[in-house]
Amino acid sequence: MKLRVYLTFSATNVREPIIWKLAKEFDVITNIRTAEVKEEMGLVGLEIEGAAEVVEASVKWLQAQGVHVEPIEQSVMAG
């Protein structure tokens, strides 16, 4: 399963290596498609690929880290 999401980071977690931790914690492939990171916030377009149950667990883990996760329409980041 491949899931495309926008991740929104707050001032409290924008400096944390959360995407790196995600790849270490779960058997998923991550692909950063777009990113805008500032001192107070960050927005990342991310593909997460792996077994469906692992991808779903990784999204729940991201939310538990305080990251807002929003699915992206397939056509937005196609290519």
C-alpha atoms as a PDB file:
ATOM      1  CA  MET A   1       0.000   0.000   0.000  1.00  0.00           C
ATOM      2  CA  LYS A   2       1.200   3.504  -0.802  1.00  0.00           C
ATOM      3  CA  LEU A   3      -0.338   6.407   1.086  1.00  0.00           C
ATOM      4  CA  ARG A   4       0.300  10.057   0.268  1.00  0.00           C
ATOM      5  CA  VAL A   5      -0.210  12.511   3.102  1.00  0.00           C
ATOM      6  CA  TYR A   6       0.505  16.044   4.191  1.00  0.00           C
ATOM      7  CA  LEU A   7       2.198  16.234   7.570  1.00  0.00           C
ATOM      8  CA  THR A   8       1.904  19.449   9.542  1.00  0.00           C
ATOM      9  CA  PHE A   9       4.457  19.973  12.288  1.00  0.00           C
ATOM     10  CA  SER A  10       4.042  22.503  15.097  1.00  0.00           C
ATOM     11  CA  ALA A  11       6.659  24.646  16.797  1.00  0.00           C
ATOM     12  CA  THR A  12       7.035  21.962  19.471  1.00  0.00           C
ATOM     13  CA  ASN A  13       7.961  19.125  17.077  1.00  0.00           C
ATOM     14  CA  VAL A  14       9.272  20.792  13.903  1.00  0.00           C
ATOM     15  CA  ARG A  15      12.914  20.267  14.936  1.00  0.00           C
ATOM     16  CA  GLU A  16      12.482  16.583  15.828  1.00  0.00           C
ATOM     17  CA  PRO A  17      13.635  13.882  13.337  1.00  0.00           C
ATOM     18  CA  ILE A  18      10.144  12.358  13.242  1.00  0.00           C
ATOM     19  CA  ILE A  19      10.255  11.050   9.657  1.00  0.00           C
ATOM     20  CA  TRP A  20      13.601   9.366  10.363  1.00  0.00           C
ATOM     21  CA  LYS A  21      12.146   7.800  13.535  1.00  0.00           C
ATOM     22  CA  LEU A  22       9.111   6.634  11.530  1.00  0.00           C
ATOM     23  CA  ALA A  23      11.332   4.718   9.103  1.00  0.00           C
ATOM     24  CA  LYS A  24      13.282   3.180  12.003  1.00  0.00           C
ATOM     25  CA  GLU A  25      10.190   2.223  14.003  1.00  0.00           C
ATOM     26  CA  PHE A  26       8.111   0.771  11.150  1.00  0.00           C
ATOM     27  CA  ASP A  27       8.878  -1.349   8.095  1.00  0.00           C
ATOM     28  CA  VAL A  28       7.886   1.396   5.640  1.00  0.00           C
ATOM     29  CA  ILE A  29       9.527   3.284   2.807  1.00  0.00           C
ATOM     30  CA  THR A  30       9.189   7.049   3.096  1.00  0.00           C
ATOM     31  CA  ASN A  31       9.568   9.473   0.205  1.00  0.00           C
ATOM     32  CA  ILE A  32       9.474  13.210   0.841  1.00  0.00           C
ATOM     33  CA  ARG A  33       7.783  14.758  -2.189  1.00  0.00           C
ATOM     34  CA  THR A  34       7.633  18.357  -1.005  1.00  0.00           C
ATOM     35  CA  ALA A  35       8.530  20.258   2.134  1.00  0.00           C
ATOM     36  CA  GLU A  36       8.428  23.720   3.595  1.00  0.00           C
ATOM     37  CA  VAL A  37       9.981  24.031   7.023  1.00  0.00           C
ATOM     38  CA  LYS A  38      10.186  27.207   9.038  1.00  0.00           C
ATOM     39  CA  GLU A  39      11.129  27.979  12.621  1.00  0.00           C
ATOM     40  CA  GLU A  40       7.549  27.734  13.923  1.00  0.00           C
ATOM     41  CA  MET A  41       5.984  25.110  11.625  1.00  0.00           C
ATOM     42  CA  GLY A  42       6.586  22.592   8.883  1.00  0.00           C
ATOM     43  CA  LEU A  43       4.524  21.142   6.052  1.00  0.00           C
ATOM     44  CA  VAL A  44       5.714  17.941   4.359  1.00  0.00           C
ATOM     45  CA  GLY A  45       4.184  15.995   1.475  1.00  0.00           C
ATOM     46  CA  LEU A  46       5.132  12.396   2.217  1.00  0.00           C
ATOM     47  CA  GLU A  47       4.583   9.006   0.610  1.00  0.00           C
ATOM     48  CA  ILE A  48       4.476   6.087   3.028  1.00  0.00           C
ATOM     49  CA  GLU A  49       4.714   2.642   1.454  1.00  0.00           C
ATOM     50  CA  GLY A  50       4.437  -0.770   3.059  1.00  0.00           C
ATOM     51  CA  ALA A  51       1.963  -3.399   4.214  1.00  0.00           C
ATOM     52  CA  ALA A  52      -1.464  -1.830   4.796  1.00  0.00           C
ATOM     53  CA  GLU A  53      -1.559  -2.559   8.533  1.00  0.00           C
ATOM     54  CA  VAL A  54       1.964  -1.184   9.010  1.00  0.00           C
ATOM     55  CA  VAL A  55       1.174   1.998   7.074  1.00  0.00           C
ATOM     56  CA  GLU A  56      -1.979   2.501   9.164  1.00  0.00           C
ATOM     57  CA  ALA A  57      -0.005   1.943  12.380  1.00  0.00           C
ATOM     58  CA  SER A  58       2.648   4.419  11.218  1.00  0.00           C
ATOM     59  CA  VAL A  59      -0.016   7.099  10.648  1.00  0.00           C
ATOM     60  CA  LYS A  60      -1.377   6.550  14.165  1.00  0.00           C
ATOM     61  CA  TRP A  61       2.172   6.804  15.511  1.00  0.00           C
ATOM     62  CA  LEU A  62       2.693  10.116  13.666  1.00  0.00           C
ATOM     63  CA  GLN A  63      -0.502  11.468  15.204  1.00  0.00           C
ATOM     64  CA  ALA A  64       0.659  10.332  18.645  1.00  0.00           C
ATOM     65  CA  GLN A  65       3.833  12.381  18.080  1.00  0.00           C
ATOM     66  CA  GLY A  66       1.664  15.493  17.643  1.00  0.00           C
ATOM     67  CA  VAL A  67       1.846  15.587  13.833  1.00  0.00           C
ATOM     68  CA  HIS A  68      -1.348  16.466  11.953  1.00  0.00           C
ATOM     69  CA  VAL A  69      -1.813  13.912   9.127  1.00  0.00           C
ATOM     70  CA  GLU A  70      -4.050  14.670   6.154  1.00  0.00           C
ATOM     71  CA  PRO A  71      -4.471  12.383   3.106  1.00  0.00           C
ATOM     72  CA  ILE A  72      -3.596  13.829  -0.305  1.00  0.00           C
ATOM     73  CA  GLU A  73      -5.576  13.250  -3.482  1.00  0.00           C
ATOM     74  CA  GLN A  74      -3.600  10.967  -5.808  1.00  0.00           C
ATOM     75  CA  SER A  75      -3.495  13.554  -8.607  1.00  0.00           C
ATOM     76  CA  VAL A  76      -1.934  16.294  -6.453  1.00  0.00           C
ATOM     77  CA  MET A  77       1.504  14.704  -6.240  1.00  0.00           C
ATOM     78  CA  ALA A  78       1.371  12.322  -9.181  1.00  0.00           C
ATOM     79  CA  GLY A  79       4.642  11.675 -10.885  1.00  0.00           C
END
